[in-house]
């Protein structure tokens, strides 16, 4: 606008000069207010987000611990089943007691989902 107000015809110069004067006289309050409001909203969002981020990190850590415990438990169950099969194969074992152990293991698997080692009931 400054350049237009200095070059061209009389009418176009005066028009450009008038537009420049209006632009310079314009109150920058709405823009300042918008920037301040935006910064305040960002600070509020950060404050409200912080506890949730901390809780998310804690939950992820707890999930990793739980997954590790689950893997350990599965390994121990597999180890116990292998030992039971080994004991069954030895001669002279109390088959009644082994049958009850096997039955309890079978019944426990009935309440576990198929995806986690259970079986489908008919």
PDB file of N, CA and C in Angstrom:
ATOM      1  N   UNK A   1       0.818  -1.200   0.000  1.00  0.00           N
ATOM      2  CA  UNK A   1       0.000   0.000   0.000  1.00  0.00           C
ATOM      3  C   UNK A   1       0.859   1.260   0.000  1.00  0.00           C
ATOM      4  N   UNK A   2       2.011   1.173   0.681  1.00  0.00           N
ATOM      5  CA  UNK A   2       2.902   2.337   0.693  1.00  0.00           C
ATOM      6  C   UNK A   2       3.369   2.663  -0.718  1.00  0.00           C
ATOM      7  N   UNK A   3       3.723   1.613  -1.461  1.00  0.00           N
ATOM      8  CA  UNK A   3       4.218   1.809  -2.822  1.00  0.00           C
ATOM      9  C   UNK A   3       3.115   2.361  -3.711  1.00  0.00           C
ATOM     10  N   UNK A   4       1.882   1.827  -3.532  1.00  0.00           N
ATOM     11  CA  UNK A   4       0.759   2.312  -4.340  1.00  0.00           C
ATOM     12  C   UNK A   4       0.440   3.766  -4.030  1.00  0.00           C
ATOM     13  N   UNK A   5       0.621   4.167  -2.773  1.00  0.00           N
ATOM     14  CA  UNK A   5       0.287   5.548  -2.402  1.00  0.00           C
ATOM     15  C   UNK A   5       1.305   6.540  -2.939  1.00  0.00           C
ATOM     16  N   UNK A   6       2.443   6.058  -3.398  1.00  0.00           N
ATOM     17  CA  UNK A   6       3.471   6.962  -3.919  1.00  0.00           C
ATOM     18  C   UNK A   6       3.528   6.992  -5.438  1.00  0.00           C
ATOM     19  N   UNK A   7       2.964   5.984  -6.089  1.00  0.00           N
ATOM     20  CA  UNK A   7       3.016   5.946  -7.554  1.00  0.00           C
ATOM     21  C   UNK A   7       1.607   5.909  -8.126  1.00  0.00           C
ATOM     22  N   UNK A   8       1.462   6.211  -9.381  1.00  0.00           N
ATOM     23  CA  UNK A   8       0.180   6.147 -10.062  1.00  0.00           C
ATOM     24  C   UNK A   8      -0.482   7.503 -10.143  1.00  0.00           C
ATOM     25  N   UNK A   9      -1.757   7.489 -10.530  1.00  0.00           N
ATOM     26  CA  UNK A   9      -2.517   8.731 -10.690  1.00  0.00           C
ATOM     27  C   UNK A   9      -2.917   9.308  -9.344  1.00  0.00           C
ATOM     28  N   UNK A  10      -3.479  10.507  -9.390  1.00  0.00           N
ATOM     29  CA  UNK A  10      -3.858  11.218  -8.168  1.00  0.00           C
ATOM     30  C   UNK A  10      -4.922  10.443  -7.406  1.00  0.00           C
ATOM     31  N   UNK A  11      -5.924   9.968  -8.115  1.00  0.00           N
ATOM     32  CA  UNK A  11      -7.027   9.257  -7.453  1.00  0.00           C
ATOM     33  C   UNK A  11      -6.519   7.947  -6.834  1.00  0.00           C
ATOM     34  N   UNK A  12      -5.774   7.190  -7.606  1.00  0.00           N
ATOM     35  CA  UNK A  12      -5.288   5.896  -7.090  1.00  0.00           C
ATOM     36  C   UNK A  12      -4.309   6.101  -5.932  1.00  0.00           C
ATOM     37  N   UNK A  13      -3.493   7.196  -6.011  1.00  0.00           N
ATOM     38  CA  UNK A  13      -2.576   7.487  -4.890  1.00  0.00           C
ATOM     39  C   UNK A  13      -3.347   7.823  -3.640  1.00  0.00           C
ATOM     40  N   UNK A  14      -4.345   8.690  -3.785  1.00  0.00           N
ATOM     41  CA  UNK A  14      -5.134   9.073  -2.609  1.00  0.00           C
ATOM     42  C   UNK A  14      -5.912   7.880  -2.046  1.00  0.00           C
ATOM     43  N   UNK A  15      -6.416   7.051  -2.931  1.00  0.00           N
ATOM     44  CA  UNK A  15      -7.130   5.851  -2.485  1.00  0.00           C
ATOM     45  C   UNK A  15      -6.197   4.945  -1.707  1.00  0.00           C
ATOM     46  N   UNK A  16      -4.995   4.689  -2.240  1.00  0.00           N
ATOM     47  CA  UNK A  16      -4.019   3.830  -1.573  1.00  0.00           C
ATOM     48  C   UNK A  16      -3.564   4.451  -0.259  1.00  0.00           C
ATOM     49  N   UNK A  17      -3.371   5.770  -0.247  1.00  0.00           N
ATOM     50  CA  UNK A  17      -2.953   6.449   0.980  1.00  0.00           C
ATOM     51  C   UNK A  17      -4.038   6.326   2.041  1.00  0.00           C
ATOM     52  N   UNK A  18      -5.296   6.470   1.622  1.00  0.00           N
ATOM     53  CA  UNK A  18      -6.413   6.335   2.552  1.00  0.00           C
ATOM     54  C   UNK A  18      -6.491   4.909   3.108  1.00  0.00           C
ATOM     55  N   UNK A  19      -6.336   3.901   2.253  1.00  0.00           N
ATOM     56  CA  UNK A  19      -6.351   2.503   2.700  1.00  0.00           C
ATOM     57  C   UNK A  19      -5.196   2.231   3.667  1.00  0.00           C
ATOM     58  N   UNK A  20      -4.030   2.790   3.361  1.00  0.00           N
ATOM     59  CA  UNK A  20      -2.867   2.630   4.241  1.00  0.00           C
ATOM     60  C   UNK A  20      -3.128   3.264   5.601  1.00  0.00           C
ATOM     61  N   UNK A  21      -3.732   4.441   5.604  1.00  0.00           N
ATOM     62  CA  UNK A  21      -4.040   5.120   6.867  1.00  0.00           C
ATOM     63  C   UNK A  21      -5.055   4.313   7.670  1.00  0.00           C
ATOM     64  N   UNK A  22      -6.054   3.747   6.993  1.00  0.00           N
ATOM     65  CA  UNK A  22      -7.025   2.911   7.689  1.00  0.00           C
ATOM     66  C   UNK A  22      -6.359   1.670   8.279  1.00  0.00           C
ATOM     67  N   UNK A  23      -5.483   1.086   7.497  1.00  0.00           N
ATOM     68  CA  UNK A  23      -4.797  -0.135   7.956  1.00  0.00           C
ATOM     69  C   UNK A  23      -3.918   0.157   9.171  1.00  0.00           C
ATOM     70  N   UNK A  24      -3.191   1.275   9.126  1.00  0.00           N
ATOM     71  CA  UNK A  24      -2.314   1.622  10.242  1.00  0.00           C
ATOM     72  C   UNK A  24      -3.105   2.021  11.480  1.00  0.00           C
ATOM     73  N   UNK A  25      -4.280   2.618  11.288  1.00  0.00           N
ATOM     74  CA  UNK A  25      -5.090   3.063  12.413  1.00  0.00           C
ATOM     75  C   UNK A  25      -5.921   1.922  13.015  1.00  0.00           C
ATOM     76  N   UNK A  26      -5.959   0.823  12.318  1.00  0.00           N
ATOM     77  CA  UNK A  26      -6.778  -0.301  12.770  1.00  0.00           C
ATOM     78  C   UNK A  26      -6.290  -0.804  14.129  1.00  0.00           C
ATOM     79  N   UNK A  27      -7.224  -1.143  14.979  1.00  0.00           N
ATOM     80  CA  UNK A  27      -6.908  -1.595  16.334  1.00  0.00           C
ATOM     81  C   UNK A  27      -6.425  -3.050  16.279  1.00  0.00           C
ATOM     82  N   UNK A  28      -5.215  -3.325  16.750  1.00  0.00           N
ATOM     83  CA  UNK A  28      -4.708  -4.697  16.731  1.00  0.00           C
ATOM     84  C   UNK A  28      -5.232  -5.541  17.898  1.00  0.00           C
ATOM     85  N   UNK A  29      -6.183  -5.011  18.677  1.00  0.00           N
ATOM     86  CA  UNK A  29      -6.692  -5.721  19.852  1.00  0.00           C
ATOM     87  C   UNK A  29      -7.273  -7.099  19.525  1.00  0.00           C
ATOM     88  N   UNK A  30      -8.119  -7.249  18.501  1.00  0.00           N
ATOM     89  CA  UNK A  30      -8.674  -8.583  18.246  1.00  0.00           C
ATOM     90  C   UNK A  30      -7.598  -9.636  17.972  1.00  0.00           C
ATOM     91  N   UNK A  31      -6.564  -9.244  17.240  1.00  0.00           N
ATOM     92  CA  UNK A  31      -5.486 -10.188  16.953  1.00  0.00           C
ATOM     93  C   UNK A  31      -4.721 -10.538  18.226  1.00  0.00           C
ATOM     94  N   UNK A  32      -4.414  -9.494  19.032  1.00  0.00           N
ATOM     95  CA  UNK A  32      -3.721  -9.758  20.298  1.00  0.00           C
ATOM     96  C   UNK A  32      -4.563 -10.634  21.209  1.00  0.00           C
ATOM     97  N   UNK A  33      -5.850 -10.302  21.261  1.00  0.00           N
ATOM     98  CA  UNK A  33      -6.757 -11.064  22.115  1.00  0.00           C
ATOM     99  C   UNK A  33      -6.817 -12.534  21.659  1.00  0.00           C
ATOM    100  N   UNK A  34      -6.862 -12.737  20.360  1.00  0.00           N
ATOM    101  CA  UNK A  34      -6.913 -14.103  19.826  1.00  0.00           C
ATOM    102  C   UNK A  34      -5.642 -14.869  20.176  1.00  0.00           C
ATOM    103  N   UNK A  35      -4.488 -14.223  20.078  1.00  0.00           N
ATOM    104  CA  UNK A  35      -3.225 -14.885  20.423  1.00  0.00           C
ATOM    105  C   UNK A  35      -3.182 -15.247  21.901  1.00  0.00           C
ATOM    106  N   UNK A  36      -3.604 -14.335  22.752  1.00  0.00           N
ATOM    107  CA  UNK A  36      -3.605 -14.588  24.200  1.00  0.00           C
ATOM    108  C   UNK A  36      -4.572 -15.719  24.535  1.00  0.00           C
ATOM    109  N   UNK A  37      -5.740 -15.696  23.914  1.00  0.00           N
ATOM    110  CA  UNK A  37      -6.734 -16.746  24.150  1.00  0.00           C
ATOM    111  C   UNK A  37      -6.195 -18.101  23.704  1.00  0.00           C
ATOM    112  N   UNK A  38      -5.519 -18.113  22.560  1.00  0.00           N
ATOM    113  CA  UNK A  38      -4.936 -19.353  22.059  1.00  0.00           C
ATOM    114  C   UNK A  38      -3.883 -19.895  23.015  1.00  0.00           C
ATOM    115  N   UNK A  39      -2.998 -19.028  23.497  1.00  0.00           N
ATOM    116  CA  UNK A  39      -1.964 -19.464  24.438  1.00  0.00           C
ATOM    117  C   UNK A  39      -2.586 -20.006  25.725  1.00  0.00           C
ATOM    118  N   UNK A  40      -3.628 -19.341  26.216  1.00  0.00           N
ATOM    119  CA  UNK A  40      -4.294 -19.800  27.440  1.00  0.00           C
ATOM    120  C   UNK A  40      -4.947 -21.160  27.219  1.00  0.00           C
ATOM    121  N   UNK A  41      -5.554 -21.339  26.072  1.00  0.00           N
ATOM    122  CA  UNK A  41      -6.197 -22.623  25.770  1.00  0.00           C
ATOM    123  C   UNK A  41      -5.158 -23.740  25.669  1.00  0.00           C
ATOM    124  N   UNK A  42      -4.005 -23.427  25.079  1.00  0.00           N
ATOM    125  CA  UNK A  42      -2.941 -24.430  24.978  1.00  0.00           C
ATOM    126  C   UNK A  42      -2.421 -24.810  26.358  1.00  0.00           C
ATOM    127  N   UNK A  43      -2.252 -23.820  27.244  1.00  0.00           N
ATOM    128  CA  UNK A  43      -1.796 -24.114  28.604  1.00  0.00           C
ATOM    129  C   UNK A  43      -2.808 -24.971  29.346  1.00  0.00           C
ATOM    130  N   UNK A  44      -4.099 -24.653  29.209  1.00  0.00           N
ATOM    131  CA  UNK A  44      -5.138 -25.456  29.869  1.00  0.00           C
ATOM    132  C   UNK A  44      -5.127 -26.883  29.338  1.00  0.00           C
ATOM    133  N   UNK A  45      -4.959 -27.029  28.034  1.00  0.00           N
ATOM    134  CA  UNK A  45      -4.931 -28.360  27.431  1.00  0.00           C
ATOM    135  C   UNK A  45      -3.734 -29.156  27.949  1.00  0.00           C
ATOM    136  N   UNK A  46      -2.580 -28.511  28.070  1.00  0.00           N
ATOM    137  CA  UNK A  46      -1.388 -29.195  28.593  1.00  0.00           C
ATOM    138  C   UNK A  46      -1.602 -29.641  30.029  1.00  0.00           C
ATOM    139  N   UNK A  47      -2.213 -28.749  30.846  1.00  0.00           N
ATOM    140  CA  UNK A  47      -2.454 -29.085  32.248  1.00  0.00           C
ATOM    141  C   UNK A  47      -3.402 -30.261  32.379  1.00  0.00           C
ATOM    142  N   UNK A  48      -4.438 -30.292  31.569  1.00  0.00           N
ATOM    143  CA  UNK A  48      -5.393 -31.391  31.670  1.00  0.00           C
ATOM    144  C   UNK A  48      -4.853 -32.673  31.060  1.00  0.00           C
ATOM    145  N   UNK A  49      -3.939 -32.563  30.119  1.00  0.00           N
ATOM    146  CA  UNK A  49      -3.375 -33.739  29.469  1.00  0.00           C
ATOM    147  C   UNK A  49      -2.311 -34.411  30.334  1.00  0.00           C
ATOM    148  N   UNK A  50      -1.607 -33.663  31.147  1.00  0.00           N
ATOM    149  CA  UNK A  50      -0.477 -34.194  31.920  1.00  0.00           C
ATOM    150  C   UNK A  50      -0.844 -35.387  32.805  1.00  0.00           C
ATOM    151  N   UNK A  51      -1.898 -35.327  33.626  1.00  0.00           N
ATOM    152  CA  UNK A  51      -2.200 -36.494  34.463  1.00  0.00           C
ATOM    153  C   UNK A  51      -2.575 -37.724  33.643  1.00  0.00           C
ATOM    154  N   UNK A  52      -3.234 -37.510  32.517  1.00  0.00           N
ATOM    155  CA  UNK A  52      -3.618 -38.641  31.694  1.00  0.00           C
ATOM    156  C   UNK A  52      -2.398 -39.288  31.046  1.00  0.00           C
ATOM    157  N   UNK A  53      -1.414 -38.484  30.666  1.00  0.00           N
ATOM    158  CA  UNK A  53      -0.188 -39.043  30.097  1.00  0.00           C
ATOM    159  C   UNK A  53       0.549 -39.858  31.145  1.00  0.00           C
ATOM    160  N   UNK A  54       0.605 -39.358  32.372  1.00  0.00           N
ATOM    161  CA  UNK A  54       1.264 -40.100  33.454  1.00  0.00           C
ATOM    162  C   UNK A  54       0.528 -41.402  33.727  1.00  0.00           C
ATOM    163  N   UNK A  55      -0.790 -41.350  33.755  1.00  0.00           N
ATOM    164  CA  UNK A  55      -1.581 -42.565  33.998  1.00  0.00           C
ATOM    165  C   UNK A  55      -1.395 -43.564  32.860  1.00  0.00           C
ATOM    166  N   UNK A  56      -1.273 -43.070  31.649  1.00  0.00           N
ATOM    167  CA  UNK A  56      -1.057 -43.953  30.504  1.00  0.00           C
ATOM    168  C   UNK A  56       0.290 -44.659  30.624  1.00  0.00           C
ATOM    169  N   UNK A  57       1.318 -43.929  31.024  1.00  0.00           N
ATOM    170  CA  UNK A  57       2.639 -44.548  31.196  1.00  0.00           C
ATOM    171  C   UNK A  57       2.607 -45.603  32.293  1.00  0.00           C
ATOM    172  N   UNK A  58       1.919 -45.294  33.402  1.00  0.00           N
ATOM    173  CA  UNK A  58       1.812 -46.264  34.491  1.00  0.00           C
ATOM    174  C   UNK A  58       1.060 -47.513  34.031  1.00  0.00           C
ATOM    175  N   UNK A  59       0.003 -47.306  33.264  1.00  0.00           N
ATOM    176  CA  UNK A  59      -0.786 -48.441  32.781  1.00  0.00           C
ATOM    177  C   UNK A  59       0.026 -49.306  31.821  1.00  0.00           C
ATOM    178  N   UNK A  60       0.829 -48.672  30.980  1.00  0.00           N
ATOM    179  CA  UNK A  60       1.668 -49.440  30.059  1.00  0.00           C
ATOM    180  C   UNK A  60       2.705 -50.255  30.818  1.00  0.00           C
ATOM    181  N   UNK A  61       3.281 -49.658  31.855  1.00  0.00           N
ATOM    182  CA  UNK A  61       4.259 -50.386  32.673  1.00  0.00           C
ATOM    183  C   UNK A  61       3.580 -51.558  33.382  1.00  0.00           C
ATOM    184  N   UNK A  62       2.385 -51.338  33.913  1.00  0.00           N
ATOM    185  CA  UNK A  62       1.649 -52.411  34.587  1.00  0.00           C
ATOM    186  C   UNK A  62       1.289 -53.515  33.602  1.00  0.00           C
ATOM    187  N   UNK A  63       0.955 -53.128  32.377  1.00  0.00           N
ATOM    188  CA  UNK A  63       0.617 -54.135  31.374  1.00  0.00           C
ATOM    189  C   UNK A  63       1.832 -54.989  31.024  1.00  0.00           C
ATOM    190  N   UNK A  64       2.990 -54.359  30.911  1.00  0.00           N
ATOM    191  CA  UNK A  64       4.200 -55.128  30.627  1.00  0.00           C
ATOM    192  C   UNK A  64       4.497 -56.119  31.748  1.00  0.00           C
ATOM    193  N   UNK A  65       4.320 -55.680  32.982  1.00  0.00           N
ATOM    194  CA  UNK A  65       4.542 -56.566  34.129  1.00  0.00           C
ATOM    195  C   UNK A  65       3.546 -57.719  34.100  1.00  0.00           C
ATOM    196  N   UNK A  66       2.280 -57.404  33.796  1.00  0.00           N
ATOM    197  CA  UNK A  66       1.248 -58.437  33.744  1.00  0.00           C
ATOM    198  C   UNK A  66       1.516 -59.426  32.609  1.00  0.00           C
ATOM    199  N   UNK A  67       1.959 -58.924  31.457  1.00  0.00           N
ATOM    200  CA  UNK A  67       2.280 -59.818  30.344  1.00  0.00           C
ATOM    201  C   UNK A  67       3.423 -60.750  30.699  1.00  0.00           C
ATOM    202  N   UNK A  68       4.425 -60.215  31.390  1.00  0.00           N
ATOM    203  CA  UNK A  68       5.551 -61.047  31.809  1.00  0.00           C
ATOM    204  C   UNK A  68       5.092 -62.109  32.807  1.00  0.00           C
ATOM    205  N   UNK A  69       4.228 -61.711  33.748  1.00  0.00           N
ATOM    206  CA  UNK A  69       3.707 -62.663  34.732  1.00  0.00           C
ATOM    207  C   UNK A  69       2.872 -63.737  34.049  1.00  0.00           C
ATOM    208  N   UNK A  70       2.093 -63.350  33.044  1.00  0.00           N
ATOM    209  CA  UNK A  70       1.282 -64.312  32.311  1.00  0.00           C
ATOM    210  C   UNK A  70       2.159 -65.304  31.563  1.00  0.00           C
ATOM    211  N   UNK A  71       3.209 -64.820  30.937  1.00  0.00           N
ATOM    212  CA  UNK A  71       4.125 -65.710  30.228  1.00  0.00           C
ATOM    213  C   UNK A  71       4.798 -66.675  31.201  1.00  0.00           C
ATOM    214  N   UNK A  72       5.202 -66.170  32.363  1.00  0.00           N
ATOM    215  CA  UNK A  72       5.813 -67.036  33.372  1.00  0.00           C
ATOM    216  C   UNK A  72       4.824 -68.102  33.840  1.00  0.00           C
ATOM    217  N   UNK A  73       3.570 -67.691  34.068  1.00  0.00           N
ATOM    218  CA  UNK A  73       2.555 -68.639  34.526  1.00  0.00           C
ATOM    219  C   UNK A  73       2.290 -69.702  33.476  1.00  0.00           C
ATOM    220  N   UNK A  74       2.227 -69.309  32.216  1.00  0.00           N
ATOM    221  CA  UNK A  74       2.020 -70.299  31.140  1.00  0.00           C
ATOM    222  C   UNK A  74       3.181 -71.278  31.079  1.00  0.00           C
ATOM    223  N   UNK A  75       4.389 -70.754  31.236  1.00  0.00           N
ATOM    224  CA  UNK A  75       5.562 -71.635  31.206  1.00  0.00           C
ATOM    225  C   UNK A  75       5.518 -72.625  32.361  1.00  0.00           C
ATOM    226  N   UNK A  76       5.115 -72.176  33.545  1.00  0.00           N
ATOM    227  CA  UNK A  76       5.040 -73.069  34.702  1.00  0.00           C
ATOM    228  C   UNK A  76       3.947 -74.116  34.537  1.00  0.00           C
ATOM    229  N   UNK A  77       2.815 -73.733  33.953  1.00  0.00           N
ATOM    230  CA  UNK A  77       1.747 -74.707  33.694  1.00  0.00           C
ATOM    231  C   UNK A  77       2.234 -75.757  32.708  1.00  0.00           C
ATOM    232  N   UNK A  78       2.912 -75.320  31.671  1.00  0.00           N
ATOM    233  CA  UNK A  78       3.447 -76.269  30.679  1.00  0.00           C
ATOM    234  C   UNK A  78       4.463 -77.202  31.330  1.00  0.00           C
ATOM    235  N   UNK A  79       5.297 -76.637  32.187  1.00  0.00           N
ATOM    236  CA  UNK A  79       6.290 -77.441  32.895  1.00  0.00           C
ATOM    237  C   UNK A  79       5.600 -78.476  33.786  1.00  0.00           C
ATOM    238  N   UNK A  80       4.532 -78.072  34.465  1.00  0.00           N
ATOM    239  CA  UNK A  80       3.804 -79.004  35.335  1.00  0.00           C
ATOM    240  C   UNK A  80       3.135 -80.101  34.515  1.00  0.00           C
ATOM    241  N   UNK A  81       2.555 -79.746  33.371  1.00  0.00           N
ATOM    242  CA  UNK A  81       1.940 -80.760  32.510  1.00  0.00           C
ATOM    243  C   UNK A  81       2.979 -81.748  32.005  1.00  0.00           C
ATOM    244  N   UNK A  82       4.139 -81.248  31.622  1.00  0.00           N
ATOM    245  CA  UNK A  82       5.209 -82.142  31.163  1.00  0.00           C
ATOM    246  C   UNK A  82       5.644 -83.084  32.280  1.00  0.00           C
ATOM    247  N   UNK A  83       5.768 -82.556  33.492  1.00  0.00           N
ATOM    248  CA  UNK A  83       6.160 -83.395  34.623  1.00  0.00           C
ATOM    249  C   UNK A  83       5.090 -84.444  34.920  1.00  0.00           C
ATOM    250  N   UNK A  84       3.813 -84.064  34.810  1.00  0.00           N
ATOM    251  CA  UNK A  84       2.720 -85.007  35.029  1.00  0.00           C
ATOM    252  C   UNK A  84       2.776 -86.137  34.005  1.00  0.00           C
ATOM    253  N   UNK A  85       3.005 -85.787  32.751  1.00  0.00           N
ATOM    254  CA  UNK A  85       3.118 -86.824  31.711  1.00  0.00           C
ATOM    255  C   UNK A  85       4.321 -87.725  31.954  1.00  0.00           C
ATOM    256  N   UNK A  86       5.412 -87.141  32.440  1.00  0.00           N
ATOM    257  CA  UNK A  86       6.599 -87.941  32.749  1.00  0.00           C
ATOM    258  C   UNK A  86       6.304 -88.918  33.880  1.00  0.00           C
ATOM    259  N   UNK A  87       5.622 -88.448  34.911  1.00  0.00           N
ATOM    260  CA  UNK A  87       5.294 -89.307  36.050  1.00  0.00           C
ATOM    261  C   UNK A  87       4.313 -90.399  35.620  1.00  0.00           C
ATOM    262  N   UNK A  88       3.373 -90.069  34.736  1.00  0.00           N
ATOM    263  CA  UNK A  88       2.416 -91.066  34.244  1.00  0.00           C
ATOM    264  C   UNK A  88       3.109 -92.193  33.501  1.00  0.00           C
ATOM    265  N   UNK A  89       4.178 -91.879  32.813  1.00  0.00           N
ATOM    266  CA  UNK A  89       4.856 -92.890  31.994  1.00  0.00           C
ATOM    267  C   UNK A  89       5.699 -93.850  32.829  1.00  0.00           C
ATOM    268  N   UNK A  90       6.000 -93.504  34.058  1.00  0.00           N
ATOM    269  CA  UNK A  90       6.782 -94.400  34.917  1.00  0.00           C
ATOM    270  C   UNK A  90       5.906 -95.562  35.400  1.00  0.00           C
ATOM    271  N   UNK A  91       6.481 -96.732  35.549  1.00  0.00           N
ATOM    272  CA  UNK A  91       5.694 -97.860  36.053  1.00  0.00           C
ATOM    273  C   UNK A  91       5.493 -97.769  37.570  1.00  0.00           C
ATOM    274  N   UNK A  92       4.373 -98.335  38.045  1.00  0.00           N
ATOM    275  CA  UNK A  92       4.117 -98.415  39.475  1.00  0.00           C
ATOM    276  C   UNK A  92       3.647 -97.134  40.107  1.00  0.00           C
ATOM    277  N   UNK A  93       2.954 -96.291  39.369  1.00  0.00           N
ATOM    278  CA  UNK A  93       2.461 -95.026  39.909  1.00  0.00           C
ATOM    279  C   UNK A  93       1.009 -95.183  40.367  1.00  0.00           C
ATOM    280  N   UNK A  94       0.562 -94.381  41.334  1.00  0.00           N
ATOM    281  CA  UNK A  94      -0.845 -94.432  41.777  1.00  0.00           C
ATOM    282  C   UNK A  94      -1.736 -93.756  40.723  1.00  0.00           C
ATOM    283  N   UNK A  95      -2.306 -94.569  39.855  1.00  0.00           N
ATOM    284  CA  UNK A  95      -3.056 -94.015  38.722  1.00  0.00           C
ATOM    285  C   UNK A  95      -4.323 -93.288  39.150  1.00  0.00           C
ATOM    286  N   UNK A  96      -4.890 -93.640  40.276  1.00  0.00           N
ATOM    287  CA  UNK A  96      -6.082 -92.937  40.752  1.00  0.00           C
ATOM    288  C   UNK A  96      -5.767 -91.490  41.086  1.00  0.00           C
ATOM    289  N   UNK A  97      -4.676 -91.263  41.792  1.00  0.00           N
ATOM    290  CA  UNK A  97      -4.269 -89.900  42.148  1.00  0.00           C
ATOM    291  C   UNK A  97      -3.897 -89.104  40.902  1.00  0.00           C
ATOM    292  N   UNK A  98      -3.224 -89.774  39.962  1.00  0.00           N
ATOM    293  CA  UNK A  98      -2.847 -89.088  38.719  1.00  0.00           C
ATOM    294  C   UNK A  98      -4.089 -88.734  37.905  1.00  0.00           C
ATOM    295  N   UNK A  99      -5.101 -89.623  37.951  1.00  0.00           N
ATOM    296  CA  UNK A  99      -6.332 -89.337  37.211  1.00  0.00           C
ATOM    297  C   UNK A  99      -7.002 -88.095  37.783  1.00  0.00           C
ATOM    298  N   UNK A 100      -7.035 -87.987  39.144  1.00  0.00           N
ATOM    299  CA  UNK A 100      -7.653 -86.811  39.764  1.00  0.00           C
ATOM    300  C   UNK A 100      -6.885 -85.539  39.419  1.00  0.00           C
ATOM    301  N   UNK A 101      -5.594 -85.593  39.414  1.00  0.00           N
ATOM    302  CA  UNK A 101      -4.785 -84.418  39.047  1.00  0.00           C
ATOM    303  C   UNK A 101      -5.080 -84.018  37.606  1.00  0.00           C
ATOM    304  N   UNK A 102      -5.122 -85.018  36.726  1.00  0.00           N
ATOM    305  CA  UNK A 102      -5.404 -84.758  35.315  1.00  0.00           C
ATOM    306  C   UNK A 102      -6.806 -84.172  35.147  1.00  0.00           C
ATOM    307  N   UNK A 103      -7.760 -84.700  35.914  1.00  0.00           N
ATOM    308  CA  UNK A 103      -9.136 -84.218  35.825  1.00  0.00           C
ATOM    309  C   UNK A 103      -9.240 -82.767  36.305  1.00  0.00           C
ATOM    310  N   UNK A 104      -8.576 -82.422  37.387  1.00  0.00           N
ATOM    311  CA  UNK A 104      -8.587 -81.048  37.891  1.00  0.00           C
ATOM    312  C   UNK A 104      -7.974 -80.088  36.873  1.00  0.00           C
ATOM    313  N   UNK A 105      -6.909 -80.510  36.245  1.00  0.00           N
ATOM    314  CA  UNK A 105      -6.274 -79.698  35.205  1.00  0.00           C
ATOM    315  C   UNK A 105      -7.237 -79.503  34.031  1.00  0.00           C
ATOM    316  N   UNK A 106      -7.920 -80.573  33.651  1.00  0.00           N
ATOM    317  CA  UNK A 106      -8.883 -80.515  32.555  1.00  0.00           C
ATOM    318  C   UNK A 106     -10.032 -79.566  32.904  1.00  0.00           C
ATOM    319  N   UNK A 107     -10.542 -79.652  34.120  1.00  0.00           N
ATOM    320  CA  UNK A 107     -11.648 -78.783  34.546  1.00  0.00           C
ATOM    321  C   UNK A 107     -11.198 -77.319  34.621  1.00  0.00           C
ATOM    322  N   UNK A 108      -9.965 -77.080  35.034  1.00  0.00           N
ATOM    323  CA  UNK A 108      -9.459 -75.707  35.093  1.00  0.00           C
ATOM    324  C   UNK A 108      -9.375 -75.106  33.690  1.00  0.00           C
ATOM    325  N   UNK A 109      -9.019 -75.926  32.707  1.00  0.00           N
ATOM    326  CA  UNK A 109      -8.924 -75.440  31.328  1.00  0.00           C
ATOM    327  C   UNK A 109     -10.297 -75.126  30.744  1.00  0.00           C
ATOM    328  N   UNK A 110     -11.347 -75.694  31.340  1.00  0.00           N
ATOM    329  CA  UNK A 110     -12.695 -75.447  30.831  1.00  0.00           C
ATOM    330  C   UNK A 110     -13.086 -73.983  31.000  1.00  0.00           C
ATOM    331  N   UNK A 111     -12.500 -73.296  31.960  1.00  0.00           N
ATOM    332  CA  UNK A 111     -12.859 -71.906  32.238  1.00  0.00           C
ATOM    333  C   UNK A 111     -11.881 -70.905  31.626  1.00  0.00           C
ATOM    334  N   UNK A 112     -10.997 -71.397  30.796  1.00  0.00           N
ATOM    335  CA  UNK A 112     -10.027 -70.538  30.118  1.00  0.00           C
ATOM    336  C   UNK A 112     -10.457 -70.427  28.659  1.00  0.00           C
ATOM    337  N   UNK A 113     -10.385 -69.245  28.045  1.00  0.00           N
ATOM    338  CA  UNK A 113     -10.752 -69.111  26.636  1.00  0.00           C
ATOM    339  C   UNK A 113      -9.865 -69.981  25.741  1.00  0.00           C
ATOM    340  N   UNK A 114     -10.428 -70.357  24.602  1.00  0.00           N
ATOM    341  CA  UNK A 114      -9.676 -71.193  23.662  1.00  0.00           C
ATOM    342  C   UNK A 114      -8.363 -70.555  23.245  1.00  0.00           C
ATOM    343  N   UNK A 115      -8.389 -69.238  23.081  1.00  0.00           N
ATOM    344  CA  UNK A 115      -7.189 -68.539  22.618  1.00  0.00           C
ATOM    345  C   UNK A 115      -6.062 -68.597  23.644  1.00  0.00           C
ATOM    346  N   UNK A 116      -6.417 -68.920  24.898  1.00  0.00           N
ATOM    347  CA  UNK A 116      -5.395 -68.945  25.942  1.00  0.00           C
ATOM    348  C   UNK A 116      -5.155 -70.337  26.493  1.00  0.00           C
ATOM    349  N   UNK A 117      -5.470 -71.342  25.708  1.00  0.00           N
ATOM    350  CA  UNK A 117      -5.143 -72.714  26.103  1.00  0.00           C
ATOM    351  C   UNK A 117      -6.318 -73.523  26.577  1.00  0.00           C
ATOM    352  N   UNK A 118      -7.514 -72.976  26.559  1.00  0.00           N
ATOM    353  CA  UNK A 118      -8.700 -73.720  26.980  1.00  0.00           C
ATOM    354  C   UNK A 118      -9.209 -74.583  25.835  1.00  0.00           C
ATOM    355  N   UNK A 119     -10.367 -75.212  26.051  1.00  0.00           N
ATOM    356  CA  UNK A 119     -10.960 -76.022  25.006  1.00  0.00           C
ATOM    357  C   UNK A 119     -12.431 -75.651  24.863  1.00  0.00           C
ATOM    358  N   UNK A 120     -13.007 -76.070  23.758  1.00  0.00           N
ATOM    359  CA  UNK A 120     -14.407 -75.756  23.463  1.00  0.00           C
ATOM    360  C   UNK A 120     -15.300 -76.799  24.114  1.00  0.00           C
ATOM    361  N   UNK A 121     -16.252 -76.328  24.909  1.00  0.00           N
ATOM    362  CA  UNK A 121     -17.212 -77.229  25.533  1.00  0.00           C
ATOM    363  C   UNK A 121     -18.356 -77.471  24.549  1.00  0.00           C
ATOM    364  N   UNK A 122     -18.897 -78.682  24.548  1.00  0.00           N
ATOM    365  CA  UNK A 122     -19.994 -78.975  23.633  1.00  0.00           C
ATOM    366  C   UNK A 122     -21.320 -78.814  24.302  1.00  0.00           C
TER     367      UNK A 122
END
